[in-house]
Amino acid sequence: MLPDIMGTWWAWVVFGFALGVLEVLVPGFIFLGFAIGAVMTGIFVGLGLAPSGVPMLFLVFALSSLVAWLVLRRVVGVRKGQVKVWDHDINDGR
């Protein structure tokens, strides 16, 4: 059952949207790259560009998630020279 549904485009898109909702609930760009990767995998499967087989679909998902994460890191990540400097501790009693 599981390998059959993994070959359908809409299952990957639904999985991507579920990860997107999870990202809203747990912010921090943890699940957003995976969500974009899942939606991209669904698009690849829908267009017939993804290879067949569960391991190859996982590879497409992993690579597209990695590329999405790298692009997100470049676009909304820490900028060069942007460093948080702590000048006091919350436990100092100031």
C-alpha atoms as a PDB file:
ATOM      1  CA  MET A   1       0.000   0.000   0.000  1.00  0.00           C
ATOM      2  CA  LEU A   2       2.675   2.512   0.979  1.00  0.00           C
ATOM      3  CA  PRO A   3       4.783   2.224  -2.198  1.00  0.00           C
ATOM      4  CA  ASP A   4       1.649   2.593  -4.345  1.00  0.00           C
ATOM      5  CA  ILE A   5       0.635   5.913  -2.805  1.00  0.00           C
ATOM      6  CA  MET A   6       4.197   7.237  -2.906  1.00  0.00           C
ATOM      7  CA  GLY A   7       4.077   7.140  -6.685  1.00  0.00           C
ATOM      8  CA  THR A   8       1.129   9.535  -6.874  1.00  0.00           C
ATOM      9  CA  TRP A   9       1.756  13.234  -7.256  1.00  0.00           C
ATOM     10  CA  TRP A  10      -1.020  14.409  -4.968  1.00  0.00           C
ATOM     11  CA  ALA A  11       0.292  12.416  -1.992  1.00  0.00           C
ATOM     12  CA  TRP A  12       3.590  14.308  -2.159  1.00  0.00           C
ATOM     13  CA  VAL A  13       1.790  17.641  -2.456  1.00  0.00           C
ATOM     14  CA  VAL A  14      -0.463  16.854   0.521  1.00  0.00           C
ATOM     15  CA  PHE A  15       2.611  15.777   2.503  1.00  0.00           C
ATOM     16  CA  GLY A  16       4.293  19.065   1.563  1.00  0.00           C
ATOM     17  CA  PHE A  17       1.309  21.119   2.688  1.00  0.00           C
ATOM     18  CA  ALA A  18       1.156  19.155   5.950  1.00  0.00           C
ATOM     19  CA  LEU A  19       4.826  19.964   6.546  1.00  0.00           C
ATOM     20  CA  GLY A  20       4.058  23.605   5.733  1.00  0.00           C
ATOM     21  CA  VAL A  21       1.344  23.658   8.387  1.00  0.00           C
ATOM     22  CA  LEU A  22       3.774  22.045  10.801  1.00  0.00           C
ATOM     23  CA  GLU A  23       6.265  24.816  10.004  1.00  0.00           C
ATOM     24  CA  VAL A  24       3.682  27.404  11.008  1.00  0.00           C
ATOM     25  CA  LEU A  25       3.159  25.610  14.308  1.00  0.00           C
ATOM     26  CA  VAL A  26       6.894  25.083  14.952  1.00  0.00           C
ATOM     27  CA  PRO A  27       8.644  28.119  13.421  1.00  0.00           C
ATOM     28  CA  GLY A  28      12.316  28.292  12.664  1.00  0.00           C
ATOM     29  CA  PHE A  29      12.637  27.107   9.053  1.00  0.00           C
ATOM     30  CA  ILE A  30      12.914  23.510  10.229  1.00  0.00           C
ATOM     31  CA  PHE A  31      10.181  21.961   8.100  1.00  0.00           C
ATOM     32  CA  LEU A  32       9.906  24.544   5.322  1.00  0.00           C
ATOM     33  CA  GLY A  33      12.714  23.069   3.220  1.00  0.00           C
ATOM     34  CA  PHE A  34      11.172  19.613   3.544  1.00  0.00           C
ATOM     35  CA  ALA A  35       7.753  21.017   2.625  1.00  0.00           C
ATOM     36  CA  ILE A  36       9.127  22.636  -0.522  1.00  0.00           C
ATOM     37  CA  GLY A  37      11.009  19.429  -1.346  1.00  0.00           C
ATOM     38  CA  ALA A  38       7.842  17.350  -1.002  1.00  0.00           C
ATOM     39  CA  VAL A  39       5.830  19.695  -3.214  1.00  0.00           C
ATOM     40  CA  MET A  40       8.627  19.731  -5.795  1.00  0.00           C
ATOM     41  CA  THR A  41       8.732  15.928  -5.729  1.00  0.00           C
ATOM     42  CA  GLY A  42       4.972  15.906  -6.309  1.00  0.00           C
ATOM     43  CA  ILE A  43       5.422  18.235  -9.267  1.00  0.00           C
ATOM     44  CA  PHE A  44       8.187  16.033 -10.686  1.00  0.00           C
ATOM     45  CA  VAL A  45       6.026  12.922 -10.279  1.00  0.00           C
ATOM     46  CA  GLY A  46       3.029  14.680 -11.818  1.00  0.00           C
ATOM     47  CA  LEU A  47       5.035  15.779 -14.833  1.00  0.00           C
ATOM     48  CA  GLY A  48       6.602  12.341 -15.205  1.00  0.00           C
ATOM     49  CA  LEU A  49      10.127  13.621 -14.538  1.00  0.00           C
ATOM     50  CA  ALA A  50      10.741  11.605 -11.363  1.00  0.00           C
ATOM     51  CA  PRO A  51      12.248   8.123 -11.639  1.00  0.00           C
ATOM     52  CA  SER A  52      10.184   5.156 -10.544  1.00  0.00           C
ATOM     53  CA  GLY A  53      10.788   3.257  -7.345  1.00  0.00           C
ATOM     54  CA  VAL A  54      10.545   4.260  -3.717  1.00  0.00           C
ATOM     55  CA  PRO A  55      14.306   4.690  -3.118  1.00  0.00           C
ATOM     56  CA  MET A  56      14.629   6.970  -6.131  1.00  0.00           C
ATOM     57  CA  LEU A  57      11.629   9.037  -5.015  1.00  0.00           C
ATOM     58  CA  PHE A  58      13.251   9.444  -1.610  1.00  0.00           C
ATOM     59  CA  LEU A  59      16.434  10.557  -3.365  1.00  0.00           C
ATOM     60  CA  VAL A  60      14.512  13.138  -5.409  1.00  0.00           C
ATOM     61  CA  PHE A  61      12.793  14.306  -2.205  1.00  0.00           C
ATOM     62  CA  ALA A  62      16.096  14.549  -0.328  1.00  0.00           C
ATOM     63  CA  LEU A  63      17.888  16.424  -3.106  1.00  0.00           C
ATOM     64  CA  SER A  64      15.021  18.845  -3.722  1.00  0.00           C
ATOM     65  CA  SER A  65      14.726  19.461   0.039  1.00  0.00           C
ATOM     66  CA  LEU A  66      18.453  20.152   0.247  1.00  0.00           C
ATOM     67  CA  VAL A  67      18.302  22.601  -2.646  1.00  0.00           C
ATOM     68  CA  ALA A  68      15.238  24.302  -1.115  1.00  0.00           C
ATOM     69  CA  TRP A  69      16.997  24.572   2.255  1.00  0.00           C
ATOM     70  CA  LEU A  70      20.121  26.061   0.663  1.00  0.00           C
ATOM     71  CA  VAL A  71      18.046  28.614  -1.265  1.00  0.00           C
ATOM     72  CA  LEU A  72      16.080  29.495   1.875  1.00  0.00           C
ATOM     73  CA  ARG A  73      19.324  29.835   3.819  1.00  0.00           C
ATOM     74  CA  ARG A  74      20.655  32.201   1.154  1.00  0.00           C
ATOM     75  CA  VAL A  75      17.460  34.273   0.920  1.00  0.00           C
ATOM     76  CA  VAL A  76      16.255  34.497   4.530  1.00  0.00           C
ATOM     77  CA  GLY A  77      19.179  33.108   6.500  1.00  0.00           C
ATOM     78  CA  VAL A  78      21.785  34.872   8.578  1.00  0.00           C
ATOM     79  CA  ARG A  79      23.341  37.730   6.678  1.00  0.00           C
ATOM     80  CA  LYS A  80      27.083  38.239   6.533  1.00  0.00           C
ATOM     81  CA  GLY A  81      28.226  40.167   9.565  1.00  0.00           C
ATOM     82  CA  GLN A  82      24.896  39.685  11.355  1.00  0.00           C
ATOM     83  CA  VAL A  83      25.858  38.320  14.742  1.00  0.00           C
ATOM     84  CA  LYS A  84      23.843  38.464  17.939  1.00  0.00           C
ATOM     85  CA  VAL A  85      25.981  39.925  20.717  1.00  0.00           C
ATOM     86  CA  TRP A  86      24.791  39.418  24.280  1.00  0.00           C
ATOM     87  CA  ASP A  87      25.841  42.241  26.588  1.00  0.00           C
ATOM     88  CA  HIS A  88      24.064  40.897  29.676  1.00  0.00           C
ATOM     89  CA  ASP A  89      22.578  37.719  30.988  1.00  0.00           C
ATOM     90  CA  ILE A  90      18.980  37.392  32.121  1.00  0.00           C
ATOM     91  CA  ASN A  91      20.253  35.983  35.402  1.00  0.00           C
ATOM     92  CA  ASP A  92      22.505  38.964  36.188  1.00  0.00           C
ATOM     93  CA  GLY A  93      19.704  40.754  38.057  1.00  0.00           C
ATOM     94  CA  ARG A  94      19.768  44.035  36.175  1.00  0.00           C
END
